[in-house]
C-alpha atoms as a PDB file:
ATOM      1  CA  UNK A   1       0.000   0.000   0.000  1.00  0.00           C
ATOM      2  CA  UNK A   2       2.467   2.641   1.169  1.00  0.00           C
ATOM      3  CA  UNK A   3       5.455   1.257  -0.760  1.00  0.00           C
ATOM      4  CA  UNK A   4       3.554   1.694  -4.012  1.00  0.00           C
ATOM      5  CA  UNK A   5       2.723   5.215  -2.933  1.00  0.00           C
ATOM      6  CA  UNK A   6       6.380   6.191  -2.961  1.00  0.00           C
ATOM      7  CA  UNK A   7       6.493   5.661  -6.714  1.00  0.00           C
ATOM      8  CA  UNK A   8       3.205   7.456  -7.277  1.00  0.00           C
ATOM      9  CA  UNK A   9       3.968  10.309  -4.945  1.00  0.00           C
ATOM     10  CA  UNK A  10       2.473  10.899  -1.516  1.00  0.00           C
ATOM     11  CA  UNK A  11       0.058  13.556  -2.762  1.00  0.00           C
ATOM     12  CA  UNK A  12      -1.358  11.142  -5.314  1.00  0.00           C
ATOM     13  CA  UNK A  13      -1.885   8.442  -2.742  1.00  0.00           C
ATOM     14  CA  UNK A  14      -3.654  10.746  -0.312  1.00  0.00           C
ATOM     15  CA  UNK A  15      -5.699  12.156  -3.157  1.00  0.00           C
ATOM     16  CA  UNK A  16      -7.322   8.743  -3.561  1.00  0.00           C
ATOM     17  CA  UNK A  17      -8.467   8.752   0.040  1.00  0.00           C
ATOM     18  CA  UNK A  18     -11.279  10.536   1.783  1.00  0.00           C
ATOM     19  CA  UNK A  19      -9.970  12.246   4.899  1.00  0.00           C
ATOM     20  CA  UNK A  20     -11.958  10.886   7.822  1.00  0.00           C
ATOM     21  CA  UNK A  21     -13.260  13.199  10.539  1.00  0.00           C
ATOM     22  CA  UNK A  22     -11.112  13.406  13.663  1.00  0.00           C
ATOM     23  CA  UNK A  23     -11.758  10.412  15.889  1.00  0.00           C
ATOM     24  CA  UNK A  24     -13.396   8.322  13.137  1.00  0.00           C
ATOM     25  CA  UNK A  25     -11.602   5.152  12.102  1.00  0.00           C
ATOM     26  CA  UNK A  26     -12.813   2.618   9.599  1.00  0.00           C
ATOM     27  CA  UNK A  27     -10.082   0.001   9.825  1.00  0.00           C
ATOM     28  CA  UNK A  28      -9.306  -2.691  12.330  1.00  0.00           C
ATOM     29  CA  UNK A  29      -5.781  -3.555  11.162  1.00  0.00           C
ATOM     30  CA  UNK A  30      -2.578  -2.050  12.505  1.00  0.00           C
ATOM     31  CA  UNK A  31      -0.411  -0.500   9.762  1.00  0.00           C
ATOM     32  CA  UNK A  32       3.369  -0.155  10.138  1.00  0.00           C
ATOM     33  CA  UNK A  33       5.853   1.363   7.665  1.00  0.00           C
ATOM     34  CA  UNK A  34       9.492   2.445   7.654  1.00  0.00           C
ATOM     35  CA  UNK A  35      13.069   1.220   7.781  1.00  0.00           C
ATOM     36  CA  UNK A  36      14.161  -1.851   5.839  1.00  0.00           C
ATOM     37  CA  UNK A  37      16.685  -2.528   8.624  1.00  0.00           C
ATOM     38  CA  UNK A  38      13.994  -2.598  11.322  1.00  0.00           C
ATOM     39  CA  UNK A  39      11.530  -4.432   9.050  1.00  0.00           C
ATOM     40  CA  UNK A  40      12.525  -8.029  10.000  1.00  0.00           C
ATOM     41  CA  UNK A  41      12.267  -7.215  13.717  1.00  0.00           C
ATOM     42  CA  UNK A  42       8.946  -5.429  13.301  1.00  0.00           C
ATOM     43  CA  UNK A  43       7.494  -8.178  11.113  1.00  0.00           C
ATOM     44  CA  UNK A  44       8.504 -10.846  13.637  1.00  0.00           C
ATOM     45  CA  UNK A  45       6.726  -8.982  16.460  1.00  0.00           C
ATOM     46  CA  UNK A  46       3.659  -8.375  14.264  1.00  0.00           C
ATOM     47  CA  UNK A  47       3.447 -12.072  13.370  1.00  0.00           C
ATOM     48  CA  UNK A  48       3.682 -13.072  17.037  1.00  0.00           C
ATOM     49  CA  UNK A  49       0.703 -10.952  18.078  1.00  0.00           C
ATOM     50  CA  UNK A  50      -1.209 -11.695  14.874  1.00  0.00           C
ATOM     51  CA  UNK A  51      -0.921 -15.449  15.363  1.00  0.00           C
ATOM     52  CA  UNK A  52      -1.995 -15.106  18.995  1.00  0.00           C
ATOM     53  CA  UNK A  53      -5.500 -14.306  17.736  1.00  0.00           C
ATOM     54  CA  UNK A  54      -5.812 -11.156  19.841  1.00  0.00           C
ATOM     55  CA  UNK A  55      -5.901  -8.849  16.816  1.00  0.00           C
ATOM     56  CA  UNK A  56      -5.853  -9.022  13.017  1.00  0.00           C
ATOM     57  CA  UNK A  57      -2.399  -9.669  11.550  1.00  0.00           C
ATOM     58  CA  UNK A  58      -0.711  -6.221  11.304  1.00  0.00           C
ATOM     59  CA  UNK A  59       0.478  -4.986   7.924  1.00  0.00           C
ATOM     60  CA  UNK A  60       4.220  -4.215   7.953  1.00  0.00           C
ATOM     61  CA  UNK A  61       5.797  -2.542   4.910  1.00  0.00           C
ATOM     62  CA  UNK A  62       9.434  -1.739   4.162  1.00  0.00           C
ATOM     63  CA  UNK A  63       9.295   1.796   2.745  1.00  0.00           C
ATOM     64  CA  UNK A  64      12.663   3.053   3.996  1.00  0.00           C
ATOM     65  CA  UNK A  65      13.089   5.416   6.923  1.00  0.00           C
ATOM     66  CA  UNK A  66      12.541   8.596   4.888  1.00  0.00           C
ATOM     67  CA  UNK A  67       9.490   7.214   3.085  1.00  0.00           C
ATOM     68  CA  UNK A  68       8.028   5.962   6.345  1.00  0.00           C
ATOM     69  CA  UNK A  69       8.435   9.368   7.984  1.00  0.00           C
ATOM     70  CA  UNK A  70       6.723  11.021   5.011  1.00  0.00           C
ATOM     71  CA  UNK A  71       3.665   8.779   5.264  1.00  0.00           C
ATOM     72  CA  UNK A  72       3.585   8.822   9.075  1.00  0.00           C
ATOM     73  CA  UNK A  73       3.764  12.610   9.356  1.00  0.00           C
ATOM     74  CA  UNK A  74       1.196  13.261   6.594  1.00  0.00           C
ATOM     75  CA  UNK A  75      -1.631  13.456   9.132  1.00  0.00           C
ATOM     76  CA  UNK A  76      -3.986  11.354  11.222  1.00  0.00           C
ATOM     77  CA  UNK A  77      -6.871   9.097  10.280  1.00  0.00           C
ATOM     78  CA  UNK A  78      -7.286   5.633   8.749  1.00  0.00           C
ATOM     79  CA  UNK A  79      -5.452   6.561   5.539  1.00  0.00           C
ATOM     80  CA  UNK A  80      -2.189   7.116   7.451  1.00  0.00           C
ATOM     81  CA  UNK A  81       0.056   4.532   9.186  1.00  0.00           C
ATOM     82  CA  UNK A  82      -0.003   4.092  12.946  1.00  0.00           C
ATOM     83  CA  UNK A  83       3.678   3.279  13.459  1.00  0.00           C
ATOM     84  CA  UNK A  84       6.875   3.974  11.547  1.00  0.00           C
ATOM     85  CA  UNK A  85      10.253   2.334  12.090  1.00  0.00           C
ATOM     86  CA  UNK A  86      13.529   4.196  11.608  1.00  0.00           C
ATOM     87  CA  UNK A  87      17.238   3.404  11.464  1.00  0.00           C
ATOM     88  CA  UNK A  88      18.009   6.940  12.624  1.00  0.00           C
ATOM     89  CA  UNK A  89      16.274   9.473  14.844  1.00  0.00           C
ATOM     90  CA  UNK A  90      13.495  11.640  13.414  1.00  0.00           C
ATOM     91  CA  UNK A  91      14.913  14.789  11.804  1.00  0.00           C
ATOM     92  CA  UNK A  92      13.896  18.256  12.973  1.00  0.00           C
ATOM     93  CA  UNK A  93      12.294  18.944   9.584  1.00  0.00           C
ATOM     94  CA  UNK A  94      10.229  15.750   9.864  1.00  0.00           C
ATOM     95  CA  UNK A  95       9.132  16.651  13.386  1.00  0.00           C
ATOM     96  CA  UNK A  96       7.952  20.030  12.040  1.00  0.00           C
ATOM     97  CA  UNK A  97       5.848  18.347   9.362  1.00  0.00           C
ATOM     98  CA  UNK A  98       4.348  15.997  11.957  1.00  0.00           C
ATOM     99  CA  UNK A  99       3.459  18.905  14.240  1.00  0.00           C
ATOM    100  CA  UNK A 100       1.964  20.938  11.370  1.00  0.00           C
ATOM    101  CA  UNK A 101      -0.260  17.984  10.444  1.00  0.00           C
ATOM    102  CA  UNK A 102      -1.437  17.284  13.993  1.00  0.00           C
ATOM    103  CA  UNK A 103       0.717  14.206  14.562  1.00  0.00           C
ATOM    104  CA  UNK A 104       2.219  13.511  17.988  1.00  0.00           C
ATOM    105  CA  UNK A 105       5.072  11.035  17.559  1.00  0.00           C
ATOM    106  CA  UNK A 106       6.144   9.036  20.599  1.00  0.00           C
ATOM    107  CA  UNK A 107       9.722   7.807  20.163  1.00  0.00           C
ATOM    108  CA  UNK A 108      10.893   4.388  21.341  1.00  0.00           C
ATOM    109  CA  UNK A 109      14.527   3.329  20.997  1.00  0.00           C
ATOM    110  CA  UNK A 110      14.413  -0.437  20.461  1.00  0.00           C
ATOM    111  CA  UNK A 111      18.077  -1.496  20.236  1.00  0.00           C
ATOM    112  CA  UNK A 112      21.258  -1.130  18.207  1.00  0.00           C
ATOM    113  CA  UNK A 113      22.528  -2.147  14.819  1.00  0.00           C
ATOM    114  CA  UNK A 114      25.754  -1.595  12.933  1.00  0.00           C
ATOM    115  CA  UNK A 115      26.294  -0.509   9.354  1.00  0.00           C
ATOM    116  CA  UNK A 116      28.613  -2.964   7.672  1.00  0.00           C
ATOM    117  CA  UNK A 117      30.688  -2.891   4.518  1.00  0.00           C
ATOM    118  CA  UNK A 118      30.592  -6.506   3.393  1.00  0.00           C
ATOM    119  CA  UNK A 119      31.710  -8.706   0.520  1.00  0.00           C
ATOM    120  CA  UNK A 120      31.723 -12.304  -0.677  1.00  0.00           C
ATOM    121  CA  UNK A 121      33.328 -14.733   1.775  1.00  0.00           C
ATOM    122  CA  UNK A 122      36.028 -15.911  -0.659  1.00  0.00           C
ATOM    123  CA  UNK A 123      36.907 -12.357  -1.793  1.00  0.00           C
ATOM    124  CA  UNK A 124      39.869 -10.393  -0.349  1.00  0.00           C
ATOM    125  CA  UNK A 125      39.642  -9.148   3.240  1.00  0.00           C
ATOM    126  CA  UNK A 126      39.165  -5.427   3.833  1.00  0.00           C
ATOM    127  CA  UNK A 127      40.282  -3.343   6.808  1.00  0.00           C
ATOM    128  CA  UNK A 128      39.094   0.168   6.014  1.00  0.00           C
ATOM    129  CA  UNK A 129      39.603   3.476   7.760  1.00  0.00           C
ATOM    130  CA  UNK A 130      36.874   6.123   7.626  1.00  0.00           C
ATOM    131  CA  UNK A 131      39.227   8.268   5.557  1.00  0.00           C
ATOM    132  CA  UNK A 132      39.647   5.476   2.986  1.00  0.00           C
ATOM    133  CA  UNK A 133      35.870   5.047   2.769  1.00  0.00           C
ATOM    134  CA  UNK A 134      35.457   8.761   2.060  1.00  0.00           C
ATOM    135  CA  UNK A 135      38.206   8.738  -0.566  1.00  0.00           C
ATOM    136  CA  UNK A 136      36.580   5.757  -2.274  1.00  0.00           C
ATOM    137  CA  UNK A 137      33.030   7.112  -2.323  1.00  0.00           C
ATOM    138  CA  UNK A 138      33.239  10.898  -2.091  1.00  0.00           C
ATOM    139  CA  UNK A 139      32.023  12.805  -5.170  1.00  0.00           C
ATOM    140  CA  UNK A 140      34.923  15.242  -4.773  1.00  0.00           C
ATOM    141  CA  UNK A 141      38.186  14.337  -3.040  1.00  0.00           C
ATOM    142  CA  UNK A 142      41.544  16.068  -2.525  1.00  0.00           C
ATOM    143  CA  UNK A 143      44.373  15.263  -4.954  1.00  0.00           C
ATOM    144  CA  UNK A 144      47.656  17.208  -4.852  1.00  0.00           C
ATOM    145  CA  UNK A 145      46.119  19.922  -2.686  1.00  0.00           C
ATOM    146  CA  UNK A 146      43.057  20.464  -4.888  1.00  0.00           C
ATOM    147  CA  UNK A 147      39.465  19.272  -4.647  1.00  0.00           C
ATOM    148  CA  UNK A 148      38.632  17.293  -7.805  1.00  0.00           C
ATOM    149  CA  UNK A 149      36.072  14.800  -9.130  1.00  0.00           C
ATOM    150  CA  UNK A 150      36.917  11.424  -7.629  1.00  0.00           C
ATOM    151  CA  UNK A 151      39.641   9.839  -9.828  1.00  0.00           C
ATOM    152  CA  UNK A 152      40.038   6.576  -7.902  1.00  0.00           C
ATOM    153  CA  UNK A 153      39.050   3.416  -9.753  1.00  0.00           C
ATOM    154  CA  UNK A 154      40.646   0.729  -7.562  1.00  0.00           C
ATOM    155  CA  UNK A 155      41.078   0.371  -3.812  1.00  0.00           C
ATOM    156  CA  UNK A 156      44.852   0.010  -4.169  1.00  0.00           C
ATOM    157  CA  UNK A 157      45.024   3.483  -5.757  1.00  0.00           C
ATOM    158  CA  UNK A 158      43.802   4.875  -2.432  1.00  0.00           C
ATOM    159  CA  UNK A 159      46.218   2.778  -0.381  1.00  0.00           C
ATOM    160  CA  UNK A 160      48.642   0.090  -1.687  1.00  0.00           C
ATOM    161  CA  UNK A 161      47.751  -2.079   1.312  1.00  0.00           C
ATOM    162  CA  UNK A 162      44.168  -2.446   0.064  1.00  0.00           C
ATOM    163  CA  UNK A 163      43.137  -5.071  -2.531  1.00  0.00           C
ATOM    164  CA  UNK A 164      43.842  -4.253  -6.181  1.00  0.00           C
ATOM    165  CA  UNK A 165      40.183  -4.595  -7.104  1.00  0.00           C
ATOM    166  CA  UNK A 166      37.738  -2.095  -8.637  1.00  0.00           C
ATOM    167  CA  UNK A 167      35.747   0.234  -6.399  1.00  0.00           C
ATOM    168  CA  UNK A 168      32.263  -1.210  -6.820  1.00  0.00           C
ATOM    169  CA  UNK A 169      29.954  -0.497  -3.883  1.00  0.00           C
ATOM    170  CA  UNK A 170      26.256  -1.323  -3.618  1.00  0.00           C
ATOM    171  CA  UNK A 171      24.262   0.687  -1.134  1.00  0.00           C
ATOM    172  CA  UNK A 172      20.958   2.180  -0.010  1.00  0.00           C
ATOM    173  CA  UNK A 173      19.137   5.161  -1.592  1.00  0.00           C
ATOM    174  CA  UNK A 174      18.829   8.698  -0.161  1.00  0.00           C
ATOM    175  CA  UNK A 175      15.450   7.821   1.439  1.00  0.00           C
ATOM    176  CA  UNK A 176      17.125   5.189   3.621  1.00  0.00           C
ATOM    177  CA  UNK A 177      18.034   5.744   7.252  1.00  0.00           C
ATOM    178  CA  UNK A 178      21.018   3.467   6.676  1.00  0.00           C
ATOM    179  CA  UNK A 179      22.223   5.886   3.978  1.00  0.00           C
ATOM    180  CA  UNK A 180      21.709   8.863   6.337  1.00  0.00           C
ATOM    181  CA  UNK A 181      23.636   7.161   9.132  1.00  0.00           C
ATOM    182  CA  UNK A 182      26.399   5.994   6.795  1.00  0.00           C
ATOM    183  CA  UNK A 183      26.843   9.493   5.379  1.00  0.00           C
ATOM    184  CA  UNK A 184      26.981  11.001   8.869  1.00  0.00           C
ATOM    185  CA  UNK A 185      29.292   8.447  10.480  1.00  0.00           C
ATOM    186  CA  UNK A 186      31.480   7.168   7.642  1.00  0.00           C
ATOM    187  CA  UNK A 187      31.553   9.922   5.008  1.00  0.00           C
ATOM    188  CA  UNK A 188      31.547  12.916   7.371  1.00  0.00           C
ATOM    189  CA  UNK A 189      33.781  11.075   9.829  1.00  0.00           C
ATOM    190  CA  UNK A 190      36.299  10.245   7.093  1.00  0.00           C
ATOM    191  CA  UNK A 191      36.092  13.720   5.624  1.00  0.00           C
ATOM    192  CA  UNK A 192      37.080  15.242   8.964  1.00  0.00           C
ATOM    193  CA  UNK A 193      40.282  13.161   8.974  1.00  0.00           C
ATOM    194  CA  UNK A 194      41.544  14.635   5.700  1.00  0.00           C
ATOM    195  CA  UNK A 195      44.484  16.991   6.240  1.00  0.00           C
ATOM    196  CA  UNK A 196      43.460  20.645   5.725  1.00  0.00           C
ATOM    197  CA  UNK A 197      39.857  19.509   5.137  1.00  0.00           C
ATOM    198  CA  UNK A 198      38.250  22.890   5.861  1.00  0.00           C
ATOM    199  CA  UNK A 199      40.865  24.784   3.846  1.00  0.00           C
ATOM    200  CA  UNK A 200      40.110  22.513   0.888  1.00  0.00           C
ATOM    201  CA  UNK A 201      36.386  23.154   1.218  1.00  0.00           C
ATOM    202  CA  UNK A 202      35.588  19.723   2.639  1.00  0.00           C
ATOM    203  CA  UNK A 203      32.615  20.396   4.884  1.00  0.00           C
ATOM    204  CA  UNK A 204      28.856  19.974   4.981  1.00  0.00           C
ATOM    205  CA  UNK A 205      27.294  18.831   1.721  1.00  0.00           C
ATOM    206  CA  UNK A 206      30.682  18.290   0.088  1.00  0.00           C
ATOM    207  CA  UNK A 207      31.501  15.647   2.693  1.00  0.00           C
ATOM    208  CA  UNK A 208      28.069  14.049   2.311  1.00  0.00           C
ATOM    209  CA  UNK A 209      28.033  13.825  -1.503  1.00  0.00           C
ATOM    210  CA  UNK A 210      28.525  10.281  -2.831  1.00  0.00           C
ATOM    211  CA  UNK A 211      30.016   9.839  -6.298  1.00  0.00           C
ATOM    212  CA  UNK A 212      27.637   9.194  -9.204  1.00  0.00           C
ATOM    213  CA  UNK A 213      30.041   7.838 -11.830  1.00  0.00           C
ATOM    214  CA  UNK A 214      29.084   4.184 -11.444  1.00  0.00           C
ATOM    215  CA  UNK A 215      31.426   3.241  -8.594  1.00  0.00           C
ATOM    216  CA  UNK A 216      28.473   3.438  -6.173  1.00  0.00           C
ATOM    217  CA  UNK A 217      25.198   1.768  -7.159  1.00  0.00           C
ATOM    218  CA  UNK A 218      21.923   2.685  -5.449  1.00  0.00           C
ATOM    219  CA  UNK A 219      20.090  -0.627  -5.026  1.00  0.00           C
ATOM    220  CA  UNK A 220      16.882   0.654  -3.428  1.00  0.00           C
ATOM    221  CA  UNK A 221      15.419  -0.109   0.004  1.00  0.00           C
ATOM    222  CA  UNK A 222      15.742  -3.904  -0.275  1.00  0.00           C
ATOM    223  CA  UNK A 223      18.868  -5.016   1.606  1.00  0.00           C
ATOM    224  CA  UNK A 224      18.286  -8.594   0.463  1.00  0.00           C
ATOM    225  CA  UNK A 225      18.824  -7.361  -3.100  1.00  0.00           C
ATOM    226  CA  UNK A 226      22.308  -6.113  -2.159  1.00  0.00           C
ATOM    227  CA  UNK A 227      23.108  -9.555  -0.773  1.00  0.00           C
ATOM    228  CA  UNK A 228      21.990 -11.155  -4.053  1.00  0.00           C
ATOM    229  CA  UNK A 229      24.192  -8.753  -6.039  1.00  0.00           C
ATOM    230  CA  UNK A 230      27.211  -9.595  -3.886  1.00  0.00           C
ATOM    231  CA  UNK A 231      26.688 -13.286  -4.506  1.00  0.00           C
ATOM    232  CA  UNK A 232      26.663 -12.578  -8.245  1.00  0.00           C
ATOM    233  CA  UNK A 233      29.638 -10.175  -8.162  1.00  0.00           C
ATOM    234  CA  UNK A 234      32.342 -11.312  -5.687  1.00  0.00           C
ATOM    235  CA  UNK A 235      34.477  -8.208  -6.411  1.00  0.00           C
ATOM    236  CA  UNK A 236      31.828  -5.788  -5.139  1.00  0.00           C
ATOM    237  CA  UNK A 237      31.189  -4.483  -1.626  1.00  0.00           C
ATOM    238  CA  UNK A 238      27.793  -3.819  -0.084  1.00  0.00           C
ATOM    239  CA  UNK A 239      26.561  -1.420   2.605  1.00  0.00           C
ATOM    240  CA  UNK A 240      23.723  -2.615   4.847  1.00  0.00           C
ATOM    241  CA  UNK A 241      22.744  -3.350   8.425  1.00  0.00           C
ATOM    242  CA  UNK A 242      24.560  -5.880  10.629  1.00  0.00           C
ATOM    243  CA  UNK A 243      21.363  -7.923  10.982  1.00  0.00           C
ATOM    244  CA  UNK A 244      21.506  -8.752   7.266  1.00  0.00           C
ATOM    245  CA  UNK A 245      25.152  -9.768   7.524  1.00  0.00           C
ATOM    246  CA  UNK A 246      24.314 -11.815  10.588  1.00  0.00           C
ATOM    247  CA  UNK A 247      21.856 -13.976   8.652  1.00  0.00           C
ATOM    248  CA  UNK A 248      24.177 -14.368   5.641  1.00  0.00           C
ATOM    249  CA  UNK A 249      27.475 -15.291   7.304  1.00  0.00           C
ATOM    250  CA  UNK A 250      27.649 -18.555   5.341  1.00  0.00           C
ATOM    251  CA  UNK A 251      28.596 -16.602   2.204  1.00  0.00           C
ATOM    252  CA  UNK A 252      29.347 -12.999   3.237  1.00  0.00           C
ATOM    253  CA  UNK A 253      31.850 -11.324   5.579  1.00  0.00           C
ATOM    254  CA  UNK A 254      32.133  -7.814   6.987  1.00  0.00           C
ATOM    255  CA  UNK A 255      35.123  -5.527   6.578  1.00  0.00           C
ATOM    256  CA  UNK A 256      36.884  -4.273   9.680  1.00  0.00           C
ATOM    257  CA  UNK A 257      36.449  -0.527  10.178  1.00  0.00           C
ATOM    258  CA  UNK A 258      39.320   1.254  11.921  1.00  0.00           C
ATOM    259  CA  UNK A 259      40.595  -2.231  12.836  1.00  0.00           C
ATOM    260  CA  UNK A 260      37.344  -3.182  14.620  1.00  0.00           C
ATOM    261  CA  UNK A 261      35.309  -6.239  13.605  1.00  0.00           C
ATOM    262  CA  UNK A 262      31.592  -5.690  12.933  1.00  0.00           C
ATOM    263  CA  UNK A 263      30.308  -8.178  15.470  1.00  0.00           C
ATOM    264  CA  UNK A 264      27.626  -8.291  18.153  1.00  0.00           C
ATOM    265  CA  UNK A 265      29.837  -7.377  21.116  1.00  0.00           C
ATOM    266  CA  UNK A 266      31.680  -4.530  19.377  1.00  0.00           C
ATOM    267  CA  UNK A 267      28.403  -2.933  18.265  1.00  0.00           C
ATOM    268  CA  UNK A 268      26.832  -3.412  21.703  1.00  0.00           C
ATOM    269  CA  UNK A 269      29.751  -1.788  23.545  1.00  0.00           C
ATOM    270  CA  UNK A 270      30.043   1.066  21.029  1.00  0.00           C
ATOM    271  CA  UNK A 271      33.607   0.357  19.912  1.00  0.00           C
ATOM    272  CA  UNK A 272      32.591  -0.377  16.307  1.00  0.00           C
ATOM    273  CA  UNK A 273      32.713   3.023  14.518  1.00  0.00           C
ATOM    274  CA  UNK A 274      29.504   2.509  12.510  1.00  0.00           C
ATOM    275  CA  UNK A 275      27.157   1.450  15.335  1.00  0.00           C
ATOM    276  CA  UNK A 276      23.769   3.207  15.504  1.00  0.00           C
ATOM    277  CA  UNK A 277      20.467   3.067  17.461  1.00  0.00           C
ATOM    278  CA  UNK A 278      17.171   1.913  15.934  1.00  0.00           C
ATOM    279  CA  UNK A 279      13.768   3.493  16.613  1.00  0.00           C
ATOM    280  CA  UNK A 280      10.027   2.977  16.465  1.00  0.00           C
ATOM    281  CA  UNK A 281       7.625   5.953  16.383  1.00  0.00           C
ATOM    282  CA  UNK A 282       4.007   5.586  17.486  1.00  0.00           C
ATOM    283  CA  UNK A 283       1.235   8.008  16.443  1.00  0.00           C
ATOM    284  CA  UNK A 284      -0.367   8.932  19.756  1.00  0.00           C
ATOM    285  CA  UNK A 285      -3.562  10.175  18.059  1.00  0.00           C
ATOM    286  CA  UNK A 286      -4.270   6.612  16.882  1.00  0.00           C
ATOM    287  CA  UNK A 287      -3.824   4.943  20.274  1.00  0.00           C
ATOM    288  CA  UNK A 288      -7.167   3.620  21.474  1.00  0.00           C
ATOM    289  CA  UNK A 289      -8.697   4.049  18.012  1.00  0.00           C
ATOM    290  CA  UNK A 290      -6.792   1.496  15.938  1.00  0.00           C
ATOM    291  CA  UNK A 291      -6.791  -1.946  17.551  1.00  0.00           C
ATOM    292  CA  UNK A 292      -3.421  -3.503  18.236  1.00  0.00           C
ATOM    293  CA  UNK A 293      -1.095  -0.557  18.887  1.00  0.00           C
ATOM    294  CA  UNK A 294      -0.722  -1.268  22.603  1.00  0.00           C
ATOM    295  CA  UNK A 295      -0.494  -5.017  21.901  1.00  0.00           C
ATOM    296  CA  UNK A 296       2.328  -4.454  19.404  1.00  0.00           C
ATOM    297  CA  UNK A 297       4.339  -2.145  21.677  1.00  0.00           C
ATOM    298  CA  UNK A 298       3.785  -4.417  24.674  1.00  0.00           C
ATOM    299  CA  UNK A 299       5.098  -7.437  22.744  1.00  0.00           C
ATOM    300  CA  UNK A 300       8.047  -5.502  21.325  1.00  0.00           C
ATOM    301  CA  UNK A 301       9.154  -4.354  24.784  1.00  0.00           C
ATOM    302  CA  UNK A 302       8.820  -7.717  26.532  1.00  0.00           C
ATOM    303  CA  UNK A 303      12.120  -9.097  27.803  1.00  0.00           C
ATOM    304  CA  UNK A 304      11.383 -12.264  25.816  1.00  0.00           C
ATOM    305  CA  UNK A 305      11.435 -10.097  22.671  1.00  0.00           C
ATOM    306  CA  UNK A 306      13.982  -7.265  22.932  1.00  0.00           C
ATOM    307  CA  UNK A 307      15.947  -8.487  25.964  1.00  0.00           C
ATOM    308  CA  UNK A 308      19.463 -10.012  26.036  1.00  0.00           C
ATOM    309  CA  UNK A 309      18.053 -13.506  25.452  1.00  0.00           C
ATOM    310  CA  UNK A 310      15.019 -12.437  23.425  1.00  0.00           C
ATOM    311  CA  UNK A 311      13.919 -13.771  20.066  1.00  0.00           C
ATOM    312  CA  UNK A 312      14.774 -10.477  18.313  1.00  0.00           C
ATOM    313  CA  UNK A 313      18.419 -10.978  19.238  1.00  0.00           C
ATOM    314  CA  UNK A 314      18.321 -14.144  17.135  1.00  0.00           C
ATOM    315  CA  UNK A 315      17.201 -11.930  14.220  1.00  0.00           C
ATOM    316  CA  UNK A 316      20.225  -9.647  14.704  1.00  0.00           C
ATOM    317  CA  UNK A 317      18.899  -6.911  17.008  1.00  0.00           C
ATOM    318  CA  UNK A 318      21.498  -5.827  19.562  1.00  0.00           C
ATOM    319  CA  UNK A 319      19.657  -5.166  22.846  1.00  0.00           C
ATOM    320  CA  UNK A 320      19.776  -1.936  24.813  1.00  0.00           C
ATOM    321  CA  UNK A 321      21.435  -2.044  28.264  1.00  0.00           C
ATOM    322  CA  UNK A 322      19.079  -3.018  31.107  1.00  0.00           C
ATOM    323  CA  UNK A 323      18.740   0.514  32.469  1.00  0.00           C
ATOM    324  CA  UNK A 324      17.996   1.951  29.032  1.00  0.00           C
ATOM    325  CA  UNK A 325      15.289  -0.630  28.347  1.00  0.00           C
ATOM    326  CA  UNK A 326      13.655   0.463  31.621  1.00  0.00           C
ATOM    327  CA  UNK A 327      13.882   4.120  30.554  1.00  0.00           C
ATOM    328  CA  UNK A 328      12.307   3.346  27.183  1.00  0.00           C
ATOM    329  CA  UNK A 329       9.414   1.496  28.820  1.00  0.00           C
ATOM    330  CA  UNK A 330       8.668   4.607  30.874  1.00  0.00           C
ATOM    331  CA  UNK A 331       8.779   6.725  27.722  1.00  0.00           C
ATOM    332  CA  UNK A 332       6.235   4.513  25.983  1.00  0.00           C
ATOM    333  CA  UNK A 333       3.974   4.085  29.033  1.00  0.00           C
ATOM    334  CA  UNK A 334       1.184   6.370  27.648  1.00  0.00           C
ATOM    335  CA  UNK A 335       0.831   4.069  24.648  1.00  0.00           C
ATOM    336  CA  UNK A 336       0.600   0.975  26.843  1.00  0.00           C
ATOM    337  CA  UNK A 337      -1.951   2.753  29.012  1.00  0.00           C
ATOM    338  CA  UNK A 338      -4.046   3.404  25.907  1.00  0.00           C
ATOM    339  CA  UNK A 339      -4.070   7.198  26.202  1.00  0.00           C
END
């Protein structure tokens, strides 16, 4: 429903709907959109409560973080989703749109994930610095004291210690929270390590701009598609969430970043440079009107789900510390109370 709307344009989708009066709801099914990274966790929780028979099976769609925010903040009523998942925090601009459209978003941090740079298991090993990542993917990079269009075609041209293979990287689109987090942590982080970065004009949008000459391929919101591409092209690298690497370790491996392995413990303790929190946002105006919101949040925040031994850990979610899980339960208490 919502995923198709991204192609048609949000205005077109809403134009097909009759805006219901405040307080009037004509659907009995919980609707969830958002991050492709959070999607497998959200779908697992939705299936658990759906199969319990308490409520109708919730609809969970992978629209990307940006797309999910757009739909979620468009307004209230049965034509808008009740929950959106995100692999980054809501932006100030998105919060403004929500407020302007009468949407009160209650934020719940659900755990951690890491962004990995991965390749085929039998391909060369990579140990990348943030600076090397920026030099490989930046649209403009410094060469001989000048900022120029990225000339690098192989990893060994950036550093002789890296494999002599072409720079071919598959990654998420601009609407993805994974892309936002990668740009902020890897691209901006690497940019800042360049000598005389500010003097060269390396700041802001220049640091965030990813090259568009074919070395980086936007593969859409489907992380599974990146995995399929890597299987077909062993020389390429892919950018996606740790949870997807975690379920594909039989044929893929993650590059070390700054000498740190992308594994569960390193992401949980914060030592892995590309670790990030994951979020769920609940539309408070829909609580008590759309069946299943409190059921979903209650199941998600059970220790048996998001705890250190919970079933979401098996899916790749890295749990919050005990004290932070308690804090998040207090934050979401109004939803569980049904008001």
